[in-house]
Amino acid sequence: MGVRVPPGLQMKAMANKGLRSETMRIINVSKEFLGGVRSEMKKVTWTRKQDLIASTGVVIVVTAGVAVVVGVVDKLFEVFLLHPAKGLIPFLTGLGGG
């Protein structure tokens, strides 16, 4: 006298088993990936603090310089193109500025 499992429950049990095996596969792949990341990070040559500070200073100075140049060009466009009577026409005709 065996007990028969209804077909719906049997499918649910098989689905749960598949879900568990897929979850374990994802966990194993993740562990392998993170192990590889840890291994590669040990090979990295990190920048010294002094070099990092010097490079940051260079970036800040260059960025400020570019900002000034863009600001000057923007102001020139404003004066010469948006207000031609005040900028471009007197400049081209030599009638003074203003």
C-alpha atoms as a PDB file:
ATOM      1  CA  MET A   1       0.000   0.000   0.000  1.00  0.00           C
ATOM      2  CA  GLY A   2       2.114   2.828  -1.248  1.00  0.00           C
ATOM      3  CA  VAL A   3       1.321   6.491  -0.899  1.00  0.00           C
ATOM      4  CA  ARG A   4       0.907   8.315  -4.142  1.00  0.00           C
ATOM      5  CA  VAL A   5       2.035  11.917  -4.371  1.00  0.00           C
ATOM      6  CA  PRO A   6      -0.426  14.049  -6.310  1.00  0.00           C
ATOM      7  CA  PRO A   7       1.096  15.341  -9.581  1.00  0.00           C
ATOM      8  CA  GLY A   8       0.920  18.995  -8.491  1.00  0.00           C
ATOM      9  CA  LEU A   9       2.935  18.374  -5.335  1.00  0.00           C
ATOM     10  CA  GLN A  10       5.469  16.297  -7.222  1.00  0.00           C
ATOM     11  CA  MET A  11       6.080  19.158  -9.681  1.00  0.00           C
ATOM     12  CA  LYS A  12       6.400  21.646  -6.811  1.00  0.00           C
ATOM     13  CA  ALA A  13       9.006  19.437  -5.106  1.00  0.00           C
ATOM     14  CA  MET A  14      10.965  19.163  -8.351  1.00  0.00           C
ATOM     15  CA  ALA A  15      10.791  22.933  -8.845  1.00  0.00           C
ATOM     16  CA  ASN A  16      12.087  23.559  -5.311  1.00  0.00           C
ATOM     17  CA  LYS A  17      14.961  21.145  -5.911  1.00  0.00           C
ATOM     18  CA  GLY A  18      15.826  22.963  -9.135  1.00  0.00           C
ATOM     19  CA  LEU A  19      15.642  26.333  -7.385  1.00  0.00           C
ATOM     20  CA  ARG A  20      17.991  25.131  -4.640  1.00  0.00           C
ATOM     21  CA  SER A  21      20.517  23.784  -7.133  1.00  0.00           C
ATOM     22  CA  GLU A  22      20.372  27.032  -9.154  1.00  0.00           C
ATOM     23  CA  THR A  23      20.886  29.068  -5.977  1.00  0.00           C
ATOM     24  CA  MET A  24      23.901  26.932  -5.038  1.00  0.00           C
ATOM     25  CA  ARG A  25      25.306  27.334  -8.553  1.00  0.00           C
ATOM     26  CA  ILE A  26      24.997  31.125  -8.296  1.00  0.00           C
ATOM     27  CA  ILE A  27      26.670  31.099  -4.873  1.00  0.00           C
ATOM     28  CA  ASN A  28      29.555  28.949  -6.146  1.00  0.00           C
ATOM     29  CA  VAL A  29      30.067  31.122  -9.227  1.00  0.00           C
ATOM     30  CA  SER A  30      30.036  34.240  -7.012  1.00  0.00           C
ATOM     31  CA  LYS A  31      32.601  32.731  -4.638  1.00  0.00           C
ATOM     32  CA  GLU A  32      34.850  31.858  -7.563  1.00  0.00           C
ATOM     33  CA  PHE A  33      34.519  35.368  -9.015  1.00  0.00           C
ATOM     34  CA  LEU A  34      35.275  37.071  -5.688  1.00  0.00           C
ATOM     35  CA  GLY A  35      38.271  34.773  -5.168  1.00  0.00           C
ATOM     36  CA  GLY A  36      39.590  35.887  -8.548  1.00  0.00           C
ATOM     37  CA  VAL A  37      39.008  39.535  -7.654  1.00  0.00           C
ATOM     38  CA  ARG A  38      40.912  39.109  -4.381  1.00  0.00           C
ATOM     39  CA  SER A  39      43.778  37.423  -6.238  1.00  0.00           C
ATOM     40  CA  GLU A  40      43.993  40.213  -8.830  1.00  0.00           C
ATOM     41  CA  MET A  41      43.790  42.976  -6.198  1.00  0.00           C
ATOM     42  CA  LYS A  42      46.891  41.529  -4.525  1.00  0.00           C
ATOM     43  CA  LYS A  43      48.786  42.049  -7.802  1.00  0.00           C
ATOM     44  CA  VAL A  44      47.890  45.752  -8.081  1.00  0.00           C
ATOM     45  CA  THR A  45      50.661  48.296  -7.590  1.00  0.00           C
ATOM     46  CA  TRP A  46      49.011  51.043  -5.569  1.00  0.00           C
ATOM     47  CA  THR A  47      49.996  54.698  -5.948  1.00  0.00           C
ATOM     48  CA  ARG A  48      51.928  56.273  -3.095  1.00  0.00           C
ATOM     49  CA  LYS A  49      50.085  58.924  -1.087  1.00  0.00           C
ATOM     50  CA  GLN A  50      52.548  61.659  -2.169  1.00  0.00           C
ATOM     51  CA  ASP A  51      52.026  60.852  -5.852  1.00  0.00           C
ATOM     52  CA  LEU A  52      48.264  60.820  -5.397  1.00  0.00           C
ATOM     53  CA  ILE A  53      48.306  64.242  -3.713  1.00  0.00           C
ATOM     54  CA  ALA A  54      50.561  65.690  -6.438  1.00  0.00           C
ATOM     55  CA  SER A  55      48.355  64.310  -9.220  1.00  0.00           C
ATOM     56  CA  THR A  56      45.248  65.675  -7.522  1.00  0.00           C
ATOM     57  CA  GLY A  57      46.876  69.109  -7.357  1.00  0.00           C
ATOM     58  CA  VAL A  58      47.676  68.988 -11.067  1.00  0.00           C
ATOM     59  CA  VAL A  59      44.076  68.024 -11.878  1.00  0.00           C
ATOM     60  CA  ILE A  60      42.706  70.896  -9.776  1.00  0.00           C
ATOM     61  CA  VAL A  61      45.060  73.471 -11.360  1.00  0.00           C
ATOM     62  CA  VAL A  62      44.341  72.292 -14.919  1.00  0.00           C
ATOM     63  CA  THR A  63      40.597  72.261 -14.251  1.00  0.00           C
ATOM     64  CA  ALA A  64      40.740  75.814 -12.875  1.00  0.00           C
ATOM     65  CA  GLY A  65      42.765  76.933 -15.909  1.00  0.00           C
ATOM     66  CA  VAL A  66      40.284  75.405 -18.341  1.00  0.00           C
ATOM     67  CA  ALA A  67      37.424  77.042 -16.423  1.00  0.00           C
ATOM     68  CA  VAL A  68      39.083  80.455 -16.769  1.00  0.00           C
ATOM     69  CA  VAL A  69      39.684  79.975 -20.500  1.00  0.00           C
ATOM     70  CA  VAL A  70      36.090  78.843 -21.080  1.00  0.00           C
ATOM     71  CA  GLY A  71      34.837  81.804 -19.032  1.00  0.00           C
ATOM     72  CA  VAL A  72      36.884  84.289 -21.060  1.00  0.00           C
ATOM     73  CA  VAL A  73      35.745  82.789 -24.376  1.00  0.00           C
ATOM     74  CA  ASP A  74      32.145  82.825 -23.146  1.00  0.00           C
ATOM     75  CA  LYS A  75      32.413  86.497 -22.193  1.00  0.00           C
ATOM     76  CA  LEU A  76      33.943  87.334 -25.587  1.00  0.00           C
ATOM     77  CA  PHE A  77      31.082  85.568 -27.379  1.00  0.00           C
ATOM     78  CA  GLU A  78      28.605  87.445 -25.196  1.00  0.00           C
ATOM     79  CA  VAL A  79      30.129  90.828 -25.915  1.00  0.00           C
ATOM     80  CA  PHE A  80      30.851  90.375 -29.612  1.00  0.00           C
ATOM     81  CA  LEU A  81      27.893  88.245 -30.721  1.00  0.00           C
ATOM     82  CA  LEU A  82      24.987  88.986 -28.400  1.00  0.00           C
ATOM     83  CA  HIS A  83      25.590  92.721 -28.119  1.00  0.00           C
ATOM     84  CA  PRO A  84      27.079  93.674 -31.486  1.00  0.00           C
ATOM     85  CA  ALA A  85      26.482  97.410 -31.035  1.00  0.00           C
ATOM     86  CA  LYS A  86      28.554  97.397 -27.874  1.00  0.00           C
ATOM     87  CA  GLY A  87      31.222  94.949 -28.947  1.00  0.00           C
ATOM     88  CA  LEU A  88      31.653  93.819 -32.512  1.00  0.00           C
ATOM     89  CA  ILE A  89      30.742  96.937 -34.496  1.00  0.00           C
ATOM     90  CA  PRO A  90      33.001  99.336 -32.542  1.00  0.00           C
ATOM     91  CA  PHE A  91      35.752  96.743 -32.586  1.00  0.00           C
ATOM     92  CA  LEU A  92      35.583  96.306 -36.355  1.00  0.00           C
ATOM     93  CA  THR A  93      35.125  99.988 -37.193  1.00  0.00           C
ATOM     94  CA  GLY A  94      37.662 101.263 -34.682  1.00  0.00           C
ATOM     95  CA  LEU A  95      35.165 103.694 -33.183  1.00  0.00           C
ATOM     96  CA  GLY A  96      36.203 102.934 -29.647  1.00  0.00           C
ATOM     97  CA  GLY A  97      34.253 100.567 -27.491  1.00  0.00           C
ATOM     98  CA  GLY A  98      31.479 100.848 -25.230  1.00  0.00           C
END
